[in-house]
Protein backbone atom coordinates (compact mmCIF):
# COMPACT_ATOMS: atom_id res chain seq x y z
CA MET A 1 -0.02 0.23 -0.07
CA ASP A 2 0.94 3.73 -0.54
CA GLN A 3 -0.19 6.60 1.20
CA ILE A 4 -1.37 9.42 -0.84
CA THR A 5 -2.70 11.64 1.92
CA ASN A 6 -2.99 11.63 5.63
CA ASP A 7 -6.21 9.55 5.00
CA ILE A 8 -5.97 7.85 1.75
CA TRP A 9 -4.00 4.70 0.84
CA ILE A 10 -4.02 3.03 -2.52
CA GLY A 11 -2.96 -0.58 -2.81
CA SER A 12 -4.15 -3.79 -4.65
CA SER A 13 -6.96 -6.23 -3.72
CA VAL A 14 -4.24 -8.33 -1.89
CA ASP A 15 -3.29 -5.14 0.20
CA ALA A 16 -7.24 -4.67 0.83
CA ASN A 17 -7.46 -8.24 2.32
CA ASP A 18 -4.67 -7.82 4.52
CA ARG A 19 -6.35 -7.24 7.96
CA ASP A 20 -3.13 -6.65 9.84
CA ALA A 21 -1.83 -4.05 7.50
CA LEU A 22 -5.32 -2.08 7.90
CA ARG A 23 -5.14 -2.25 11.29
CA ARG A 24 -1.58 -1.03 11.78
CA GLU A 25 -2.29 1.90 9.13
CA GLY A 26 -5.81 2.59 10.95
CA ILE A 27 -7.59 2.33 8.18
CA HIS A 28 -11.30 1.97 8.89
CA SER A 29 -13.06 2.18 5.28
CA ILE A 30 -11.88 0.59 1.80
CA LEU A 31 -13.39 1.59 -1.58
CA GLY A 32 -13.00 -1.46 -3.80
CA LEU A 33 -12.89 -0.60 -7.58
CA ASP A 34 -12.43 -3.74 -8.78
CA GLY A 35 -15.30 -5.82 -7.46
CA CYS A 36 -13.01 -8.32 -5.64
CA GLN A 37 -14.06 -6.87 -1.93
CA ARG A 38 -18.06 -7.12 -3.18
CA GLU A 39 -18.64 -10.25 -0.64
CA ILE A 40 -16.47 -9.47 2.03
CA LYS A 41 -17.91 -8.31 5.19
CA PRO A 42 -16.24 -5.20 6.75
CA ASP A 43 -15.88 -7.33 10.36
CA LYS A 44 -13.50 -9.99 8.62
CA LEU A 45 -11.24 -7.40 7.87
CA GLY A 46 -11.67 -4.95 11.03
CA VAL A 47 -12.81 -2.15 9.23
CA ASP A 48 -16.03 -0.32 9.49
CA ARG A 49 -17.50 -0.01 5.90
CA ILE A 50 -16.65 -1.41 2.72
CA GLU A 51 -17.93 -0.02 -0.66
CA VAL A 52 -17.66 -1.30 -3.88
CA VAL A 53 -17.80 0.73 -7.26
CA GLU A 54 -16.51 -1.45 -10.10
CA LEU A 55 -14.73 0.58 -12.56
CA VAL A 56 -13.06 -0.50 -15.99
CA ASP A 57 -9.85 0.52 -17.12
CA GLY A 58 -9.57 2.82 -19.86
CA ARG A 59 -12.76 4.33 -21.50
CA GLY A 60 -16.29 2.68 -20.80
CA ASN A 61 -16.93 4.05 -17.54
CA ARG A 62 -20.25 5.68 -17.18
CA PRO A 63 -19.95 9.21 -15.58
CA GLU A 64 -22.29 8.69 -13.00
CA VAL A 65 -20.30 5.45 -12.20
CA PHE A 66 -17.15 7.66 -11.84
CA LEU A 67 -18.96 9.92 -9.80
CA ARG A 68 -20.38 7.72 -7.58
CA ALA A 69 -16.61 6.36 -6.74
CA VAL A 70 -15.45 10.07 -6.18
CA ALA A 71 -18.53 10.75 -3.94
CA VAL A 72 -18.21 7.51 -1.63
CA SER A 73 -14.38 8.25 -1.14
CA HIS A 74 -14.91 11.82 -0.02
CA PHE A 75 -17.33 10.51 2.54
CA SER A 76 -14.76 8.20 3.69
CA GLU A 77 -12.02 10.60 3.86
CA ASN A 78 -14.20 12.97 5.59
CA ARG A 79 -15.45 10.30 8.28
């Protein structure tokens, strides 16, 4: 995982499933953009919230889907 701001980290789905790393870094919310966390319950990873907004690489994301991902990340940042 790489820290982007004081409150935002970016990583792979492997990183997002690393309960120890999430706890160590004080991460409470996960925004999954590839669908891998769709079936995972927050308590399994020790977080408060998991949101999934599936985006595809390159062109093809509807604007409203992209805007939902931005809105969800903004909510989590201001938690």
